[in-house]
Amino acid sequence: MRVEDETCEICGKPAKHFLFACFVCDSEECIQKAREQRGGPGGHQKKKWAEQMGKT
């Protein structure tokens, strides 16, 4: 799979990057939205940690 073959998951323009588990274009706004959706830097680990803490 190539990034160039994908579209931005936020706006639909051609993707240029794969960041925060999301294909995004060069727009800073799209990159920021992808970051927020993911939960910020380390968001996937924070979610995993919160789920584990809730089970104990």
C-alpha atoms as a PDB file:
ATOM      1  CA  MET A   1       0.000   0.000   0.000  1.00  0.00           C
ATOM      2  CA  ARG A   2       1.328   3.418  -0.941  1.00  0.00           C
ATOM      3  CA  VAL A   3       0.302   6.673   0.720  1.00  0.00           C
ATOM      4  CA  GLU A   4       0.013   8.287  -2.709  1.00  0.00           C
ATOM      5  CA  ASP A   5      -2.769   5.831  -3.613  1.00  0.00           C
ATOM      6  CA  GLU A   6      -4.923   6.900  -0.650  1.00  0.00           C
ATOM      7  CA  THR A   7      -7.072   9.935   0.097  1.00  0.00           C
ATOM      8  CA  CYS A   8      -7.099  12.140   3.188  1.00  0.00           C
ATOM      9  CA  GLU A   9      -9.516  10.640   5.696  1.00  0.00           C
ATOM     10  CA  ILE A  10     -10.479  14.130   6.877  1.00  0.00           C
ATOM     11  CA  CYS A  11     -11.074  16.123   3.661  1.00  0.00           C
ATOM     12  CA  GLY A  12     -10.763  13.644   0.780  1.00  0.00           C
ATOM     13  CA  LYS A  13      -7.795  15.278  -0.986  1.00  0.00           C
ATOM     14  CA  PRO A  14      -4.891  13.053  -2.074  1.00  0.00           C
ATOM     15  CA  ALA A  15      -3.006  11.786   0.987  1.00  0.00           C
ATOM     16  CA  LYS A  16       0.611  12.767   1.537  1.00  0.00           C
ATOM     17  CA  HIS A  17       1.254  11.269   4.986  1.00  0.00           C
ATOM     18  CA  PHE A  18       0.189   8.452   7.307  1.00  0.00           C
ATOM     19  CA  LEU A  19       0.036  10.038  10.750  1.00  0.00           C
ATOM     20  CA  PHE A  20      -1.860   9.067  13.894  1.00  0.00           C
ATOM     21  CA  ALA A  21      -3.142   5.904  12.170  1.00  0.00           C
ATOM     22  CA  CYS A  22      -4.788   8.040   9.506  1.00  0.00           C
ATOM     23  CA  PHE A  23      -4.054   9.022   5.910  1.00  0.00           C
ATOM     24  CA  VAL A  24      -3.862  12.822   5.725  1.00  0.00           C
ATOM     25  CA  CYS A  25      -2.990  15.511   3.180  1.00  0.00           C
ATOM     26  CA  ASP A  26      -0.529  18.364   3.797  1.00  0.00           C
ATOM     27  CA  SER A  27      -3.149  20.543   5.500  1.00  0.00           C
ATOM     28  CA  GLU A  28      -2.210  21.435   9.075  1.00  0.00           C
ATOM     29  CA  GLU A  29      -5.924  21.444   9.924  1.00  0.00           C
ATOM     30  CA  CYS A  30      -6.348  17.835   8.739  1.00  0.00           C
ATOM     31  CA  ILE A  31      -3.216  16.748  10.595  1.00  0.00           C
ATOM     32  CA  GLN A  32      -4.513  18.389  13.792  1.00  0.00           C
ATOM     33  CA  LYS A  33      -7.929  16.725  13.419  1.00  0.00           C
ATOM     34  CA  ALA A  34      -6.276  13.331  12.935  1.00  0.00           C
ATOM     35  CA  ARG A  35      -4.206  13.958  16.089  1.00  0.00           C
ATOM     36  CA  GLU A  36      -7.325  14.854  18.090  1.00  0.00           C
ATOM     37  CA  GLN A  37      -9.238  11.817  16.838  1.00  0.00           C
ATOM     38  CA  ARG A  38      -6.370   9.569  17.881  1.00  0.00           C
ATOM     39  CA  GLY A  39      -6.138  11.113  21.329  1.00  0.00           C
ATOM     40  CA  GLY A  40      -2.923  13.058  20.816  1.00  0.00           C
ATOM     41  CA  PRO A  41       0.611  11.708  20.955  1.00  0.00           C
ATOM     42  CA  GLY A  42       0.499   8.271  22.537  1.00  0.00           C
ATOM     43  CA  GLY A  43      -3.305   8.284  22.428  1.00  0.00           C
ATOM     44  CA  HIS A  44      -3.524   4.628  21.508  1.00  0.00           C
ATOM     45  CA  GLN A  45      -1.360   3.734  24.514  1.00  0.00           C
ATOM     46  CA  LYS A  46      -3.375   6.015  26.814  1.00  0.00           C
ATOM     47  CA  LYS A  47      -6.587   4.291  25.717  1.00  0.00           C
ATOM     48  CA  LYS A  48      -5.036   0.857  26.234  1.00  0.00           C
ATOM     49  CA  TRP A  49      -3.827   1.858  29.710  1.00  0.00           C
ATOM     50  CA  ALA A  50      -7.249   3.266  30.656  1.00  0.00           C
ATOM     51  CA  GLU A  51      -8.961   0.060  29.536  1.00  0.00           C
ATOM     52  CA  GLN A  52      -6.554  -2.042  31.604  1.00  0.00           C
ATOM     53  CA  MET A  53      -7.049   0.139  34.681  1.00  0.00           C
ATOM     54  CA  GLY A  54     -10.815  -0.209  34.373  1.00  0.00           C
ATOM     55  CA  LYS A  55     -10.567  -4.018  34.495  1.00  0.00           C
ATOM     56  CA  THR A  56      -8.803  -4.154  37.855  1.00  0.00           C
END
